[in-house]
Protein backbone atom coordinates (compact mmCIF):
# COMPACT_ATOMS: atom_id res chain seq x y z
CA MET A 1 0.00 0.00 0.00
CA ALA A 2 1.31 3.45 -0.93
CA VAL A 3 1.59 6.47 1.36
CA LYS A 4 -0.95 9.17 0.55
CA ILE A 5 -1.05 12.83 1.57
CA LEU A 6 -3.75 15.51 1.53
CA VAL A 7 -2.87 19.21 1.85
CA ALA A 8 -5.18 22.22 2.13
CA PRO A 9 -5.21 25.82 3.36
CA VAL A 10 -5.62 26.05 7.12
CA ARG A 11 -8.87 28.04 6.81
CA TYR A 12 -11.12 28.99 3.88
CA VAL A 13 -13.86 31.64 4.17
CA GLN A 14 -16.31 32.38 1.33
CA GLY A 15 -19.49 34.36 0.80
CA PRO A 16 -20.89 37.82 0.08
CA GLY A 17 -19.29 40.23 2.53
CA ALA A 18 -16.67 37.67 3.59
CA LEU A 19 -14.08 40.45 3.64
CA ASP A 20 -15.80 41.79 6.76
CA GLU A 21 -14.51 38.64 8.51
CA LEU A 22 -10.86 39.41 7.81
CA GLY A 23 -10.07 41.06 11.15
CA VAL A 24 -11.69 38.27 13.14
CA GLN A 25 -9.93 35.60 11.12
CA LEU A 26 -6.50 37.22 11.38
CA THR A 27 -6.96 37.58 15.13
CA HIS A 28 -7.81 33.86 15.34
CA PHE A 29 -4.30 33.10 14.05
CA GLY A 30 -2.63 35.70 16.24
CA ILE A 31 -1.80 37.90 13.26
CA ARG A 32 -1.44 41.50 14.48
CA ARG A 33 0.84 43.25 11.97
CA PRO A 34 0.14 42.26 8.32
CA LEU A 35 1.72 43.72 5.22
CA VAL A 36 -1.10 44.11 2.68
CA LEU A 37 -0.07 43.69 -0.97
CA LEU A 38 -2.73 45.41 -3.06
CA GLY A 39 -3.41 45.16 -6.79
CA PRO A 40 -3.87 48.27 -8.97
CA THR A 41 -7.40 47.95 -10.37
CA PRO A 42 -10.34 50.03 -9.10
CA ALA A 43 -11.96 46.89 -7.69
CA GLU A 44 -8.78 45.99 -5.82
CA LYS A 45 -8.43 49.53 -4.49
CA ALA A 46 -12.04 49.40 -3.29
CA ALA A 47 -11.33 46.09 -1.56
CA GLY A 48 -8.26 47.71 -0.01
CA ALA A 49 -10.36 50.51 1.43
CA ARG A 50 -12.65 47.93 3.02
CA ILE A 51 -9.66 46.01 4.38
CA ALA A 52 -8.42 49.20 6.02
CA GLU A 53 -11.78 49.73 7.73
CA VAL A 54 -12.03 46.13 8.91
CA LEU A 55 -8.48 45.93 10.25
CA THR A 56 -8.71 49.30 11.97
CA ALA A 57 -11.90 48.17 13.71
CA ALA A 58 -10.09 45.01 14.86
CA ASN A 59 -7.14 47.04 16.23
CA ILE A 60 -4.77 45.34 13.82
CA GLU A 61 -1.75 47.37 12.75
CA TYR A 62 -1.25 47.13 8.99
CA VAL A 63 0.76 48.65 6.16
CA PHE A 64 -0.15 48.70 2.46
CA THR A 65 2.24 48.21 -0.44
CA ASP A 66 1.19 48.35 -4.10
CA PHE A 67 1.71 45.36 -6.38
CA ASN A 68 3.80 46.37 -9.39
CA GLY A 69 2.02 44.15 -11.90
CA GLU A 70 4.26 41.12 -12.49
CA SER A 71 5.34 38.21 -10.31
CA THR A 72 9.07 38.61 -10.93
CA ARG A 73 11.96 37.70 -8.67
CA ARG A 74 12.63 41.42 -8.22
CA GLU A 75 9.06 42.13 -7.11
CA ILE A 76 9.05 39.14 -4.76
CA ASP A 77 12.31 40.33 -3.21
CA ARG A 78 10.91 43.86 -2.81
CA VAL A 79 7.80 42.63 -0.99
CA LYS A 80 9.85 40.24 1.14
CA GLN A 81 12.19 43.03 2.19
CA ALA A 82 9.28 45.35 3.01
CA CYS A 83 7.87 42.57 5.19
CA LEU A 84 11.15 42.04 7.02
CA ASP A 85 11.95 45.75 7.38
CA GLY A 86 8.50 46.45 8.82
CA GLY A 87 8.56 43.53 11.24
CA HIS A 88 5.35 42.11 9.74
CA ASP A 89 3.99 38.73 10.78
CA SER A 90 2.10 38.01 7.57
CA ILE A 91 1.51 39.06 3.97
CA VAL A 92 -2.10 39.59 2.92
CA SER A 93 -2.37 39.55 -0.90
CA CYS A 94 -5.49 41.20 -2.32
CA GLY A 95 -5.83 40.97 -6.09
CA GLY A 96 -5.57 38.64 -9.05
CA GLY A 97 -3.40 35.61 -9.68
CA LYS A 98 -0.05 37.34 -10.15
CA CYS A 99 -0.53 39.50 -7.07
CA ILE A 100 -1.31 36.40 -5.01
CA ASP A 101 1.63 34.48 -6.52
CA THR A 102 3.94 37.34 -5.53
CA GLY A 103 2.59 37.54 -2.00
CA ARG A 104 2.72 33.77 -1.51
CA ALA A 105 6.34 33.58 -2.70
CA ALA A 106 7.34 36.61 -0.60
CA ALA A 107 5.71 35.05 2.48
CA ALA A 108 7.29 31.62 1.98
CA GLY A 109 10.52 30.53 3.58
CA ASP A 110 12.38 27.94 1.52
CA VAL A 111 10.69 26.94 -1.75
CA PHE A 112 11.03 23.99 -4.11
CA ASP A 113 11.71 24.67 -7.80
CA VAL A 114 9.49 22.16 -9.60
CA ASP A 115 11.54 22.08 -12.80
CA LYS A 116 15.05 22.15 -11.32
CA GLU A 117 13.99 19.97 -8.36
CA ILE A 118 15.95 21.97 -5.79
CA TRP A 119 15.10 23.79 -2.57
CA PHE A 120 16.27 27.38 -2.11
CA PRO A 121 15.48 30.33 0.22
CA LEU A 122 13.08 32.92 -1.20
CA GLY A 123 10.57 34.56 1.15
CA ALA A 124 10.25 36.00 4.63
CA GLY A 125 8.82 32.92 6.35
CA VAL A 126 5.57 34.50 7.56
CA HIS A 127 1.85 33.69 7.36
CA CYS A 128 0.37 33.74 3.85
CA VAL A 129 -3.17 35.18 3.58
CA ASN A 130 -4.94 35.40 0.21
CA VAL A 131 -7.90 37.61 -0.72
CA PRO A 132 -8.65 36.95 -4.41
CA THR A 133 -10.72 39.58 -6.22
CA VAL A 134 -11.34 37.30 -9.21
CA ALA A 135 -12.14 33.58 -9.54
CA ASN A 136 -10.08 32.88 -12.65
CA ASN A 137 -7.77 30.21 -11.17
CA ASP A 138 -7.28 27.87 -8.21
CA GLY A 139 -4.02 29.42 -7.04
CA PRO A 140 -5.29 31.12 -3.85
CA THR A 141 -5.63 27.82 -1.96
CA SER A 142 -2.35 26.37 -3.21
CA SER A 143 1.24 26.39 -2.00
CA ALA A 144 2.39 26.84 -5.61
CA ALA A 145 3.50 30.11 -7.21
CA VAL A 146 4.63 31.02 -10.71
CA ILE A 147 7.56 33.38 -11.23
CA TYR A 148 8.03 35.34 -14.48
CA ASN A 149 11.03 37.21 -15.83
CA GLU A 150 11.08 40.90 -16.72
CA GLN A 151 9.91 40.06 -20.25
CA HIS A 152 6.76 38.39 -18.80
CA ALA A 153 7.87 34.89 -19.78
CA LEU A 154 7.64 31.96 -17.38
CA GLU A 155 10.82 31.61 -15.35
CA SER A 156 10.02 28.99 -12.70
CA ARG A 157 7.30 27.27 -10.71
CA VAL A 158 7.89 27.01 -6.98
CA LEU A 159 6.23 25.31 -4.03
CA SER A 160 6.20 26.58 -0.46
CA ARG A 161 6.66 24.15 2.41
CA VAL A 162 3.33 25.26 3.87
CA THR A 163 -0.14 25.99 2.53
CA PRO A 164 -1.85 29.38 2.99
CA THR A 165 -2.94 30.15 6.52
CA LEU A 166 -6.14 31.85 5.39
CA VAL A 167 -8.09 32.37 2.16
CA VAL A 168 -10.97 34.87 2.13
CA VAL A 169 -13.24 34.89 -0.93
CA ASP A 170 -15.78 37.73 -0.97
CA THR A 171 -18.18 36.72 -3.73
CA SER A 172 -19.82 40.16 -3.84
CA ILE A 173 -16.43 41.47 -5.08
CA ILE A 174 -15.92 38.62 -7.54
CA ALA A 175 -19.42 39.16 -8.96
CA LYS A 176 -18.31 42.62 -10.13
CA ALA A 177 -15.20 41.31 -11.92
CA PRO A 178 -15.15 40.81 -15.72
CA VAL A 179 -17.27 37.82 -16.68
CA ARG A 180 -14.51 36.42 -18.88
CA LEU A 181 -12.32 35.92 -15.81
CA LEU A 182 -14.95 33.77 -14.06
CA VAL A 183 -15.33 31.69 -17.23
CA ALA A 184 -11.55 31.31 -17.51
CA GLY A 185 -11.58 30.01 -13.93
CA MET A 186 -14.09 27.38 -15.01
CA GLY A 187 -11.68 26.35 -17.75
CA ASP A 188 -8.87 25.88 -15.25
CA ALA A 189 -11.17 23.96 -12.90
CA LEU A 190 -12.55 21.82 -15.73
CA ALA A 191 -9.19 20.09 -16.04
CA SER A 192 -9.14 18.95 -12.42
CA PHE A 193 -11.25 15.81 -12.56
CA PHE A 194 -9.68 14.46 -15.75
CA GLN A 195 -6.13 15.15 -14.55
CA VAL A 196 -6.74 13.60 -11.13
CA ASP A 197 -8.45 10.61 -12.74
CA VAL A 198 -5.62 9.85 -15.15
CA SER A 199 -2.99 10.46 -12.46
CA TYR A 200 -4.71 7.93 -10.22
CA ARG A 201 -5.01 5.36 -13.00
CA THR A 202 -1.34 5.63 -13.92
CA GLY A 203 -0.09 5.78 -10.32
CA SER A 204 1.37 9.27 -10.83
CA PRO A 205 2.05 11.39 -7.73
CA SER A 206 0.99 14.98 -7.19
CA VAL A 207 3.67 17.56 -8.00
CA VAL A 208 2.80 19.24 -4.68
CA THR A 209 2.81 16.30 -2.26
CA HIS A 210 4.95 13.89 -4.32
CA LYS A 211 2.55 11.19 -3.12
CA LEU A 212 -0.56 9.51 -4.47
CA SER A 213 -4.01 10.99 -4.02
CA THR A 214 -6.38 10.10 -1.22
CA ARG A 215 -9.93 8.94 -1.88
CA ALA A 216 -11.02 12.32 -0.53
CA ALA A 217 -9.03 14.13 -3.22
CA ARG A 218 -10.55 11.99 -5.96
CA ALA A 219 -14.05 12.60 -4.58
CA LEU A 220 -13.35 16.35 -4.53
CA ALA A 221 -12.24 16.20 -8.16
CA ARG A 222 -15.52 14.55 -9.12
CA LEU A 223 -17.45 17.15 -7.09
CA ASN A 224 -15.56 19.87 -8.92
CA LEU A 225 -16.74 18.64 -12.32
CA ASP A 226 -20.31 18.19 -11.07
CA LEU A 227 -20.42 21.76 -9.74
CA LEU A 228 -19.22 23.16 -13.05
CA LEU A 229 -21.64 21.13 -15.18
CA THR A 230 -24.57 21.95 -12.91
CA TYR A 231 -23.95 25.63 -12.18
CA GLY A 232 -21.51 26.92 -14.81
CA ALA A 233 -23.93 28.50 -17.27
CA LEU A 234 -26.10 29.88 -14.46
CA ALA A 235 -23.06 31.38 -12.74
CA LYS A 236 -22.09 33.13 -15.96
CA ALA A 237 -25.59 34.61 -16.15
CA GLU A 238 -25.32 35.83 -12.55
CA ALA A 239 -21.90 37.34 -13.29
CA GLU A 240 -23.34 39.15 -16.30
CA ALA A 241 -25.92 40.63 -13.93
CA GLY A 242 -23.20 41.47 -11.39
CA VAL A 243 -24.77 39.47 -8.58
CA ALA A 244 -23.49 36.65 -6.38
CA GLY A 245 -26.33 34.13 -6.35
CA PRO A 246 -26.32 30.41 -5.55
CA ALA A 247 -24.69 29.46 -8.86
CA MET A 248 -21.91 32.02 -8.41
CA GLU A 249 -21.26 30.67 -4.91
CA ALA A 250 -21.03 27.13 -6.24
CA VAL A 251 -18.70 28.03 -9.10
CA CYS A 252 -16.43 30.21 -6.96
CA GLU A 253 -16.08 27.25 -4.60
CA ALA A 254 -15.33 25.01 -7.59
CA ASN A 255 -12.86 27.39 -9.25
CA ILE A 256 -10.91 28.36 -6.15
CA LEU A 257 -11.30 25.79 -3.38
CA VAL A 258 -12.29 22.43 -4.86
CA SER A 259 -10.13 22.74 -7.97
CA GLY A 260 -7.18 23.86 -5.84
CA LEU A 261 -7.48 20.88 -3.53
CA SER A 262 -7.94 18.54 -6.49
CA PHE A 263 -4.85 19.70 -8.37
CA ALA A 264 -2.63 19.93 -5.29
CA ASN A 265 -3.56 16.47 -4.06
CA GLY A 266 -4.32 14.63 -7.27
CA GLY A 267 -1.97 15.67 -10.04
CA VAL A 268 -1.74 17.43 -13.39
CA SER A 269 -1.56 16.03 -16.89
CA ALA A 270 -1.81 16.76 -20.62
CA ALA A 271 -4.44 19.47 -20.13
CA HIS A 272 -1.86 21.72 -18.50
CA ALA A 273 0.96 20.58 -20.81
CA VAL A 274 -1.00 21.69 -23.87
CA GLY A 275 -2.16 24.83 -22.07
CA ALA A 276 1.42 25.74 -21.17
CA ALA A 277 2.50 25.10 -24.77
CA LEU A 278 -0.19 27.48 -26.03
CA ASP A 279 1.33 30.16 -23.81
CA HIS A 280 4.32 30.07 -26.17
CA VAL A 281 2.19 31.32 -29.06
CA LEU A 282 0.27 34.08 -27.28
CA ASP A 283 1.87 36.58 -29.66
CA LEU A 284 0.05 34.83 -32.53
CA MET A 285 -3.36 35.32 -30.89
CA GLU A 286 -5.63 38.22 -31.77
CA VAL A 287 -6.77 38.17 -28.15
CA PRO A 288 -4.17 36.62 -25.80
CA GLN A 289 -5.89 33.87 -23.86
CA PHE A 290 -6.06 33.54 -20.09
CA HIS A 291 -4.58 30.48 -18.35
CA GLY A 292 -7.96 28.81 -17.88
CA GLU A 293 -8.91 29.31 -21.51
CA VAL A 294 -5.86 27.51 -22.89
CA VAL A 295 -6.19 24.81 -20.21
CA ALA A 296 -9.82 24.22 -21.26
CA PHE A 297 -8.66 23.55 -24.81
CA GLY A 298 -5.88 21.38 -23.37
CA THR A 299 -8.47 19.37 -21.44
CA LEU A 300 -10.32 18.60 -24.65
CA CYS A 301 -7.02 17.52 -26.23
CA GLN A 302 -6.30 15.26 -23.25
CA LEU A 303 -9.69 13.58 -23.62
CA VAL A 304 -8.95 12.94 -27.30
CA MET A 305 -5.51 11.53 -26.40
CA GLU A 306 -7.16 9.23 -23.86
CA GLU A 307 -9.74 8.14 -26.45
CA ALA A 308 -12.60 9.22 -24.18
CA LYS A 309 -16.03 7.84 -24.96
CA PRO A 310 -18.24 9.99 -27.23
CA ASP A 311 -20.72 10.77 -24.43
CA VAL A 312 -17.91 12.20 -22.30
CA LEU A 313 -16.58 14.25 -25.20
CA ASN A 314 -20.05 15.53 -26.02
CA GLU A 315 -20.69 16.54 -22.41
CA VAL A 316 -17.42 18.44 -22.04
CA PHE A 317 -17.59 20.11 -25.46
CA ALA A 318 -21.19 21.14 -24.75
CA PHE A 319 -20.15 22.64 -21.42
CA CYS A 320 -17.35 24.65 -23.03
CA LYS A 321 -19.72 25.92 -25.69
CA SER A 322 -22.36 26.86 -23.09
CA VAL A 323 -20.03 29.12 -21.11
CA GLY A 324 -17.83 30.35 -23.96
CA LEU A 325 -14.58 28.42 -23.44
CA PRO A 326 -12.51 27.83 -26.61
CA THR A 327 -12.94 24.52 -28.42
CA THR A 328 -11.17 25.40 -31.69
CA LEU A 329 -7.94 27.06 -32.78
CA GLU A 330 -10.05 29.85 -34.24
CA GLU A 331 -11.75 30.41 -30.87
CA LEU A 332 -8.26 30.61 -29.35
CA THR A 333 -7.92 33.52 -31.83
CA LEU A 334 -4.78 32.06 -33.41
CA ARG A 335 -4.01 34.07 -36.54
CA ASP A 336 -1.78 31.31 -37.91
CA ARG A 337 -3.41 27.90 -37.63
CA SER A 338 -1.05 26.13 -39.99
CA ASP A 339 0.27 22.63 -39.36
CA GLU A 340 3.67 24.20 -38.70
CA ILE A 341 2.32 26.20 -35.76
CA VAL A 342 0.26 23.27 -34.45
CA MET A 343 3.37 21.08 -34.60
CA LYS A 344 5.33 23.73 -32.68
CA ILE A 345 2.68 23.63 -29.94
CA ALA A 346 2.72 19.81 -29.97
CA HIS A 347 6.51 19.62 -29.62
CA ILE A 348 6.48 21.98 -26.62
CA ALA A 349 3.62 20.09 -24.96
CA ALA A 350 5.29 16.71 -25.54
CA LYS A 351 8.27 17.91 -23.49
CA GLY A 352 6.11 19.25 -20.63
CA SER A 353 6.66 17.55 -17.28
CA GLN A 354 2.87 17.40 -16.84
CA MET A 355 2.77 14.67 -19.50
CA LYS A 356 4.31 12.16 -17.10
CA SER A 357 0.90 11.03 -15.85
CA MET A 358 -0.51 10.13 -19.27
CA PRO A 359 -0.95 6.39 -19.98
CA ARG A 360 1.37 6.38 -23.00
CA ALA A 361 4.00 8.72 -21.53
CA TYR A 362 7.63 7.61 -21.72
CA ALA A 363 9.19 6.30 -18.53
CA GLN A 364 12.09 8.75 -19.04
CA ARG A 365 12.75 11.63 -21.40
CA ASP A 366 14.11 10.44 -24.72
CA SER A 367 17.31 11.77 -26.27
CA ASP A 368 15.44 14.82 -27.58
CA GLY A 369 13.82 15.59 -24.22
CA TYR A 370 10.34 14.29 -25.03
CA LEU A 371 8.04 12.61 -22.52
CA TYR A 372 5.37 11.88 -25.12
CA ASP A 373 5.11 11.35 -28.86
CA PRO A 374 4.72 14.85 -30.38
CA GLN A 375 2.98 13.39 -33.43
CA GLU A 376 0.23 12.05 -31.18
CA VAL A 377 -0.16 15.44 -29.50
CA PHE A 378 -0.30 17.08 -32.93
CA ALA A 379 -3.06 14.67 -34.00
CA ALA A 380 -5.00 15.33 -30.79
CA ILE A 381 -4.88 19.11 -31.28
CA LYS A 382 -6.04 18.77 -34.89
CA ALA A 383 -8.82 16.35 -33.92
CA THR A 384 -9.98 18.63 -31.09
CA ASP A 385 -10.11 21.58 -33.45
CA ALA A 386 -12.06 19.56 -36.02
CA TYR A 387 -14.52 18.28 -33.43
CA GLY A 388 -14.98 21.78 -32.00
CA ARG A 389 -15.84 23.12 -35.46
CA ALA A 390 -18.20 20.21 -36.16
CA PHE A 391 -19.85 20.57 -32.76
CA ALA A 392 -20.61 24.23 -33.48
CA ALA A 393 -22.45 23.16 -36.60
CA VAL A 394 -24.65 20.59 -34.85
């Protein structure tokens, strides 16, 4: 029998007006002097004003610092140093994914570089508190952070030794965010069940725990898919109306909490490998796609690679169509959809470490660095695109 591990944030708080709980929740953990990293948008500034009111009422001493827009090593070091210089006991990150990645990395002590497989010191070693203002990814509940270089290209993916102390999701704030961001979050979450399922079937460990998934993690992954299929289209309608109703609550929980627990404890696979490869051709897109949008297309490719049954394909394609997630290369807004470009995407994906969990993945990288047959990935992308176009005509 194999050892299994389940990780999760220490506390998760969600609902309309949840931000009003921040002072009480910080006090519960003995946090008295947070550094608040605040994003630049009007919504984030409004949330910051509310944070100031709540923390003042709770007699918590706080300092704000503005997020500079990119999760670079320089920005992480700046926030870390501000934390240490101010004698802060925590970093509260209020904003989108890159703001939260920066705050998480700056709060961490030693971190593990997923690609180089080494530990190194990075952050201040204080409590990590996340207040997402959008529900476009599952990062807020995770110990993982993505670091970019000054040219906005991916530099490294790192894992903290500990999960966030507290995550506060105020759905009344998220309901006012752009609808496309909520839908992108559904695309990221959509991958969870299929990635956890294939990782379990192939005995592949989570990149976070380095162990196999628990039954609880697999049940959460199934719940995640069920929430999306049941409430996704309704949540989009609520978001378009700017209200946080029951469907919005369900989808925010799916996008942020359940998807985060599923990925951290269950594994990743081809969906994210193809999604990451598509990031390399963002300059060829009329409208650069969000992470969850390329991952949604990657999920469809993974299902084709796994030779999923037609009823499964139909259900997932129908869901993507119903909420507006891309199912074709045209919907990804690729200007150049030639075989040459598709093959470039396939070659990058076939080298992605996420491919390790696929049934026909190589046991080790071959002499060219591949973990999977790039021709098969190419065929899957082409088939997905063809099916997406045919599905639109049905």
